[in-house]
Amino acid sequence: MELLFKEWKSHNNLKRFSTVQPHLVEGLIWSSLLSLLLKRYLCRAAAQKVALRLSMFKMAKTPIGWFEPIMKSLALQAKSQLEADVAWAIEFIGKTCKRSQQAKSRKDNSLDDIWRHLNA
């Protein structure tokens, strides 16, 4: 939970707000949470498409090119454009957010691998 909150605060502009009006602050918090959930959903969809584990950190750092078109399509309720934007974003995330192999990592040491062994 702590890592999720850290990601939410660090990569979704939850540090400061330029208003002290409670209703605006609440709206900004909800918007930030929804954008985090959408980004995570798209990263998971991209990971399934490329059949690789992707880096949530890299995904959180790269939304500038793909997140805005999705939000714009949602705001305009342009369903066909939204589908195209989501497909492009999934493709982009799958190509650019691959995990780097760390020298310290061992095989079967990831959370996914641990779950796989427990469920076997």
N, C-alpha and C. Protein backbone atom coordinates (compact mmCIF):
# COMPACT_ATOMS: atom_id res chain seq x y z
N MET A 1 0.82 -1.18 0.00
CA MET A 1 0.00 0.00 0.00
C MET A 1 0.87 1.26 0.00
N GLU A 2 1.97 1.18 0.74
CA GLU A 2 2.86 2.33 0.82
C GLU A 2 3.47 2.66 -0.54
N LEU A 3 3.86 1.63 -1.31
CA LEU A 3 4.43 1.87 -2.63
C LEU A 3 3.40 2.46 -3.59
N LEU A 4 2.16 2.01 -3.46
CA LEU A 4 1.10 2.56 -4.29
C LEU A 4 0.90 4.04 -3.98
N PHE A 5 0.88 4.39 -2.69
CA PHE A 5 0.72 5.79 -2.31
C PHE A 5 1.91 6.62 -2.78
N LYS A 6 3.11 6.06 -2.69
CA LYS A 6 4.30 6.77 -3.16
C LYS A 6 4.21 7.03 -4.67
N GLU A 7 3.79 6.03 -5.42
CA GLU A 7 3.61 6.21 -6.86
C GLU A 7 2.55 7.27 -7.13
N TRP A 8 1.46 7.20 -6.40
CA TRP A 8 0.37 8.14 -6.57
C TRP A 8 0.85 9.57 -6.32
N LYS A 9 1.61 9.75 -5.24
CA LYS A 9 2.10 11.08 -4.88
C LYS A 9 3.17 11.57 -5.85
N SER A 10 4.09 10.70 -6.21
CA SER A 10 5.24 11.11 -7.02
C SER A 10 4.93 11.30 -8.49
N HIS A 11 4.09 10.44 -9.06
CA HIS A 11 3.90 10.47 -10.51
C HIS A 11 2.54 11.00 -10.94
N ASN A 12 1.70 11.39 -10.01
CA ASN A 12 0.38 11.91 -10.37
C ASN A 12 0.12 13.29 -9.78
N ASN A 13 1.17 14.03 -9.51
CA ASN A 13 1.06 15.41 -9.02
C ASN A 13 0.17 15.54 -7.78
N LEU A 14 0.38 14.71 -6.82
CA LEU A 14 -0.39 14.78 -5.59
C LEU A 14 0.40 15.49 -4.50
N LYS A 15 1.47 16.17 -4.84
CA LYS A 15 2.30 16.84 -3.85
C LYS A 15 1.65 18.11 -3.32
N ARG A 16 1.25 18.98 -4.23
CA ARG A 16 0.66 20.27 -3.86
C ARG A 16 -0.48 20.59 -4.79
N PHE A 17 -1.41 21.36 -4.27
CA PHE A 17 -2.50 21.86 -5.10
C PHE A 17 -2.45 23.38 -5.07
N SER A 18 -2.87 23.99 -6.15
CA SER A 18 -2.84 25.45 -6.24
C SER A 18 -4.14 26.08 -5.75
N THR A 19 -4.89 25.33 -4.98
CA THR A 19 -6.15 25.83 -4.43
C THR A 19 -6.32 25.30 -3.01
N VAL A 20 -7.09 26.03 -2.23
CA VAL A 20 -7.41 25.57 -0.88
C VAL A 20 -8.90 25.30 -0.75
N GLN A 21 -9.62 25.39 -1.85
CA GLN A 21 -11.05 25.12 -1.83
C GLN A 21 -11.27 23.62 -1.70
N PRO A 22 -11.96 23.19 -0.66
CA PRO A 22 -12.09 21.76 -0.38
C PRO A 22 -12.69 20.94 -1.52
N HIS A 23 -13.68 21.47 -2.22
CA HIS A 23 -14.31 20.71 -3.30
C HIS A 23 -13.36 20.52 -4.48
N LEU A 24 -12.58 21.55 -4.78
CA LEU A 24 -11.59 21.41 -5.85
C LEU A 24 -10.49 20.43 -5.47
N VAL A 25 -10.03 20.50 -4.24
CA VAL A 25 -8.99 19.59 -3.77
C VAL A 25 -9.49 18.15 -3.84
N GLU A 26 -10.72 17.91 -3.39
CA GLU A 26 -11.28 16.56 -3.44
C GLU A 26 -11.39 16.07 -4.88
N GLY A 27 -11.84 16.94 -5.79
CA GLY A 27 -11.92 16.57 -7.20
C GLY A 27 -10.56 16.23 -7.79
N LEU A 28 -9.54 17.01 -7.42
CA LEU A 28 -8.19 16.74 -7.91
C LEU A 28 -7.66 15.41 -7.36
N ILE A 29 -7.97 15.11 -6.11
CA ILE A 29 -7.53 13.83 -5.54
C ILE A 29 -8.19 12.67 -6.27
N TRP A 30 -9.50 12.76 -6.50
CA TRP A 30 -10.20 11.68 -7.22
C TRP A 30 -9.69 11.55 -8.65
N SER A 31 -9.45 12.67 -9.32
CA SER A 31 -8.91 12.63 -10.68
C SER A 31 -7.55 11.97 -10.71
N SER A 32 -6.72 12.29 -9.73
CA SER A 32 -5.40 11.71 -9.65
C SER A 32 -5.47 10.20 -9.42
N LEU A 33 -6.36 9.77 -8.54
CA LEU A 33 -6.51 8.34 -8.29
C LEU A 33 -7.02 7.61 -9.53
N LEU A 34 -7.99 8.20 -10.22
CA LEU A 34 -8.51 7.57 -11.44
C LEU A 34 -7.44 7.49 -12.52
N SER A 35 -6.61 8.51 -12.64
CA SER A 35 -5.55 8.45 -13.66
C SER A 35 -4.53 7.38 -13.31
N LEU A 36 -4.23 7.21 -12.03
CA LEU A 36 -3.32 6.14 -11.61
C LEU A 36 -3.89 4.78 -11.97
N LEU A 37 -5.17 4.57 -11.68
CA LEU A 37 -5.81 3.29 -12.00
C LEU A 37 -5.83 3.04 -13.50
N LEU A 38 -6.12 4.05 -14.27
CA LEU A 38 -6.14 3.90 -15.73
C LEU A 38 -4.75 3.56 -16.26
N LYS A 39 -3.73 4.24 -15.75
CA LYS A 39 -2.36 3.95 -16.21
C LYS A 39 -1.95 2.53 -15.84
N ARG A 40 -2.29 2.09 -14.65
CA ARG A 40 -1.95 0.72 -14.24
C ARG A 40 -2.71 -0.31 -15.09
N TYR A 41 -3.96 -0.03 -15.38
CA TYR A 41 -4.75 -0.93 -16.22
C TYR A 41 -4.12 -1.06 -17.61
N LEU A 42 -3.73 0.07 -18.19
CA LEU A 42 -3.12 0.03 -19.53
C LEU A 42 -1.77 -0.67 -19.50
N CYS A 43 -1.03 -0.51 -18.41
CA CYS A 43 0.26 -1.19 -18.31
C CYS A 43 0.06 -2.71 -18.23
N ARG A 44 -0.94 -3.13 -17.48
CA ARG A 44 -1.24 -4.57 -17.40
C ARG A 44 -1.69 -5.11 -18.75
N ALA A 45 -2.53 -4.35 -19.46
CA ALA A 45 -2.98 -4.78 -20.78
C ALA A 45 -1.80 -4.89 -21.73
N ALA A 46 -0.89 -3.93 -21.66
CA ALA A 46 0.31 -3.98 -22.52
C ALA A 46 1.19 -5.17 -22.15
N ALA A 47 1.32 -5.45 -20.86
CA ALA A 47 2.13 -6.59 -20.42
C ALA A 47 1.56 -7.90 -20.95
N GLN A 48 0.24 -8.03 -20.94
CA GLN A 48 -0.39 -9.24 -21.48
C GLN A 48 -0.18 -9.33 -22.98
N LYS A 49 -0.25 -8.19 -23.65
CA LYS A 49 -0.09 -8.20 -25.11
C LYS A 49 1.31 -8.62 -25.53
N VAL A 50 2.32 -8.11 -24.85
CA VAL A 50 3.70 -8.45 -25.23
C VAL A 50 4.22 -9.67 -24.47
N ALA A 51 3.41 -10.19 -23.55
CA ALA A 51 3.76 -11.37 -22.75
C ALA A 51 5.09 -11.18 -22.01
N LEU A 52 5.26 -10.00 -21.45
CA LEU A 52 6.44 -9.68 -20.65
C LEU A 52 6.01 -8.92 -19.41
N ARG A 53 6.86 -8.94 -18.40
CA ARG A 53 6.61 -8.08 -17.25
C ARG A 53 7.12 -6.69 -17.60
N LEU A 54 6.30 -5.70 -17.34
CA LEU A 54 6.68 -4.33 -17.64
C LEU A 54 6.96 -3.56 -16.36
N SER A 55 7.68 -2.48 -16.50
CA SER A 55 8.05 -1.65 -15.37
C SER A 55 6.97 -0.60 -15.11
N MET A 56 6.34 -0.68 -13.94
CA MET A 56 5.35 0.33 -13.56
C MET A 56 6.03 1.69 -13.41
N PHE A 57 7.28 1.69 -12.96
CA PHE A 57 8.01 2.94 -12.82
C PHE A 57 8.21 3.61 -14.17
N LYS A 58 8.65 2.84 -15.16
CA LYS A 58 8.83 3.42 -16.50
C LYS A 58 7.51 3.89 -17.07
N MET A 59 6.45 3.12 -16.84
CA MET A 59 5.14 3.50 -17.33
C MET A 59 4.69 4.81 -16.69
N ALA A 60 4.94 4.95 -15.39
CA ALA A 60 4.52 6.16 -14.68
C ALA A 60 5.31 7.38 -15.14
N LYS A 61 6.50 7.17 -15.67
CA LYS A 61 7.33 8.28 -16.13
C LYS A 61 7.09 8.66 -17.59
N THR A 62 6.32 7.86 -18.35
CA THR A 62 6.16 8.11 -19.79
C THR A 62 4.77 8.49 -20.26
N PRO A 63 3.87 9.01 -19.43
CA PRO A 63 2.51 9.24 -19.91
C PRO A 63 2.34 10.46 -20.79
N ILE A 64 3.36 11.27 -20.94
CA ILE A 64 3.22 12.53 -21.67
C ILE A 64 2.74 12.32 -23.10
N GLY A 65 3.21 11.32 -23.79
CA GLY A 65 2.81 11.13 -25.18
C GLY A 65 1.52 10.37 -25.39
N TRP A 66 1.08 9.57 -24.42
CA TRP A 66 -0.07 8.71 -24.66
C TRP A 66 -1.27 8.97 -23.76
N PHE A 67 -1.09 9.59 -22.62
CA PHE A 67 -2.19 9.76 -21.68
C PHE A 67 -3.15 10.88 -22.08
N GLU A 68 -2.60 11.98 -22.55
CA GLU A 68 -3.44 13.13 -22.92
C GLU A 68 -4.44 12.80 -24.03
N PRO A 69 -4.03 12.13 -25.12
CA PRO A 69 -5.03 11.79 -26.15
C PRO A 69 -6.17 10.93 -25.62
N ILE A 70 -5.86 10.02 -24.70
CA ILE A 70 -6.92 9.18 -24.12
C ILE A 70 -7.89 10.04 -23.32
N MET A 71 -7.36 10.95 -22.52
CA MET A 71 -8.22 11.82 -21.72
C MET A 71 -9.06 12.74 -22.60
N LYS A 72 -8.46 13.22 -23.68
CA LYS A 72 -9.19 14.09 -24.60
C LYS A 72 -10.33 13.31 -25.27
N SER A 73 -10.06 12.10 -25.69
CA SER A 73 -11.09 11.27 -26.32
C SER A 73 -12.21 10.95 -25.33
N LEU A 74 -11.84 10.70 -24.08
CA LEU A 74 -12.85 10.46 -23.05
C LEU A 74 -13.72 11.69 -22.84
N ALA A 75 -13.08 12.85 -22.75
CA ALA A 75 -13.82 14.09 -22.52
C ALA A 75 -14.77 14.40 -23.68
N LEU A 76 -14.34 14.11 -24.89
CA LEU A 76 -15.17 14.38 -26.07
C LEU A 76 -16.15 13.25 -26.37
N GLN A 77 -16.05 12.17 -25.60
CA GLN A 77 -16.89 10.98 -25.80
C GLN A 77 -16.78 10.44 -27.23
N ALA A 78 -15.57 10.48 -27.75
CA ALA A 78 -15.29 10.00 -29.10
C ALA A 78 -14.85 8.54 -29.00
N LYS A 79 -15.81 7.63 -29.07
CA LYS A 79 -15.55 6.22 -28.82
C LYS A 79 -14.54 5.61 -29.79
N SER A 80 -14.69 5.85 -31.07
CA SER A 80 -13.75 5.25 -32.03
C SER A 80 -12.35 5.83 -31.86
N GLN A 81 -12.26 7.12 -31.57
CA GLN A 81 -10.95 7.74 -31.35
C GLN A 81 -10.35 7.20 -30.05
N LEU A 82 -11.18 7.01 -29.03
CA LEU A 82 -10.71 6.46 -27.76
C LEU A 82 -10.15 5.06 -27.96
N GLU A 83 -10.83 4.23 -28.72
CA GLU A 83 -10.34 2.88 -28.99
C GLU A 83 -8.99 2.92 -29.69
N ALA A 84 -8.85 3.82 -30.65
CA ALA A 84 -7.58 3.95 -31.37
C ALA A 84 -6.48 4.45 -30.44
N ASP A 85 -6.81 5.42 -29.59
CA ASP A 85 -5.81 5.96 -28.65
C ASP A 85 -5.36 4.92 -27.64
N VAL A 86 -6.31 4.13 -27.14
CA VAL A 86 -5.97 3.09 -26.16
C VAL A 86 -5.10 2.01 -26.82
N ALA A 87 -5.46 1.61 -28.03
CA ALA A 87 -4.67 0.60 -28.74
C ALA A 87 -3.24 1.11 -28.97
N TRP A 88 -3.12 2.36 -29.38
CA TRP A 88 -1.79 2.93 -29.61
C TRP A 88 -1.01 3.01 -28.30
N ALA A 89 -1.68 3.42 -27.21
CA ALA A 89 -1.01 3.53 -25.91
C ALA A 89 -0.52 2.17 -25.44
N ILE A 90 -1.32 1.14 -25.60
CA ILE A 90 -0.92 -0.21 -25.19
C ILE A 90 0.30 -0.66 -25.98
N GLU A 91 0.28 -0.38 -27.27
CA GLU A 91 1.43 -0.72 -28.13
C GLU A 91 2.69 0.03 -27.68
N PHE A 92 2.54 1.33 -27.42
CA PHE A 92 3.65 2.18 -26.99
C PHE A 92 4.21 1.71 -25.65
N ILE A 93 3.34 1.46 -24.69
CA ILE A 93 3.77 1.02 -23.37
C ILE A 93 4.49 -0.33 -23.47
N GLY A 94 3.98 -1.22 -24.28
CA GLY A 94 4.60 -2.52 -24.45
C GLY A 94 6.01 -2.43 -25.02
N LYS A 95 6.25 -1.44 -25.87
CA LYS A 95 7.59 -1.28 -26.47
C LYS A 95 8.56 -0.54 -25.55
N THR A 96 8.08 0.48 -24.82
CA THR A 96 8.98 1.37 -24.11
C THR A 96 9.13 1.11 -22.62
N CYS A 97 8.30 0.27 -22.05
CA CYS A 97 8.30 0.11 -20.60
C CYS A 97 8.75 -1.27 -20.15
N LYS A 98 9.57 -1.92 -20.95
CA LYS A 98 10.07 -3.24 -20.57
C LYS A 98 11.02 -3.11 -19.39
N ARG A 99 10.95 -4.09 -18.50
CA ARG A 99 11.82 -4.08 -17.34
C ARG A 99 13.26 -4.33 -17.75
N SER A 100 14.16 -3.65 -17.09
CA SER A 100 15.58 -3.89 -17.29
C SER A 100 16.01 -5.02 -16.38
N GLN A 101 16.85 -5.90 -16.89
CA GLN A 101 17.36 -6.99 -16.06
C GLN A 101 18.38 -6.42 -15.10
N GLN A 102 18.14 -6.59 -13.82
CA GLN A 102 19.08 -6.10 -12.81
C GLN A 102 20.08 -7.18 -12.48
N ALA A 103 21.31 -6.76 -12.25
CA ALA A 103 22.37 -7.72 -11.95
C ALA A 103 22.08 -8.47 -10.65
N LYS A 104 21.44 -7.81 -9.70
CA LYS A 104 21.21 -8.44 -8.40
C LYS A 104 20.03 -9.40 -8.41
N SER A 105 19.21 -9.35 -9.47
CA SER A 105 18.01 -10.20 -9.46
C SER A 105 18.36 -11.64 -9.78
N ARG A 106 17.64 -12.54 -9.11
CA ARG A 106 17.80 -13.96 -9.34
C ARG A 106 16.58 -14.49 -10.05
N LYS A 107 16.73 -15.61 -10.69
CA LYS A 107 15.59 -16.25 -11.32
C LYS A 107 14.63 -16.73 -10.23
N ASP A 108 13.35 -16.65 -10.50
CA ASP A 108 12.30 -17.07 -9.57
C ASP A 108 12.26 -16.22 -8.30
N ASN A 109 12.71 -14.97 -8.38
CA ASN A 109 12.74 -14.11 -7.22
C ASN A 109 11.67 -13.02 -7.28
N SER A 110 10.93 -12.93 -8.37
CA SER A 110 9.93 -11.88 -8.49
C SER A 110 8.65 -12.29 -7.77
N LEU A 111 7.80 -11.33 -7.51
CA LEU A 111 6.54 -11.62 -6.83
C LEU A 111 5.69 -12.57 -7.66
N ASP A 112 5.68 -12.39 -8.98
CA ASP A 112 4.92 -13.29 -9.85
C ASP A 112 5.43 -14.73 -9.74
N ASP A 113 6.75 -14.90 -9.71
CA ASP A 113 7.33 -16.24 -9.60
C ASP A 113 7.03 -16.87 -8.25
N ILE A 114 7.06 -16.07 -7.20
CA ILE A 114 6.74 -16.59 -5.86
C ILE A 114 5.30 -17.06 -5.82
N TRP A 115 4.37 -16.26 -6.38
CA TRP A 115 2.96 -16.66 -6.44
C TRP A 115 2.80 -17.94 -7.25
N ARG A 116 3.53 -18.04 -8.35
CA ARG A 116 3.44 -19.23 -9.20
C ARG A 116 3.85 -20.47 -8.42
N HIS A 117 4.92 -20.36 -7.62
CA HIS A 117 5.38 -21.50 -6.83
C HIS A 117 4.39 -21.85 -5.73
N LEU A 118 3.76 -20.84 -5.12
CA LEU A 118 2.79 -21.10 -4.06
C LEU A 118 1.53 -21.75 -4.60
N ASN A 119 1.15 -21.39 -5.81
CA ASN A 119 -0.07 -21.94 -6.41
C ASN A 119 0.14 -23.29 -7.09
N ALA A 120 1.40 -23.70 -7.23
CA ALA A 120 1.70 -24.97 -7.91
C ALA A 120 1.32 -26.17 -7.09
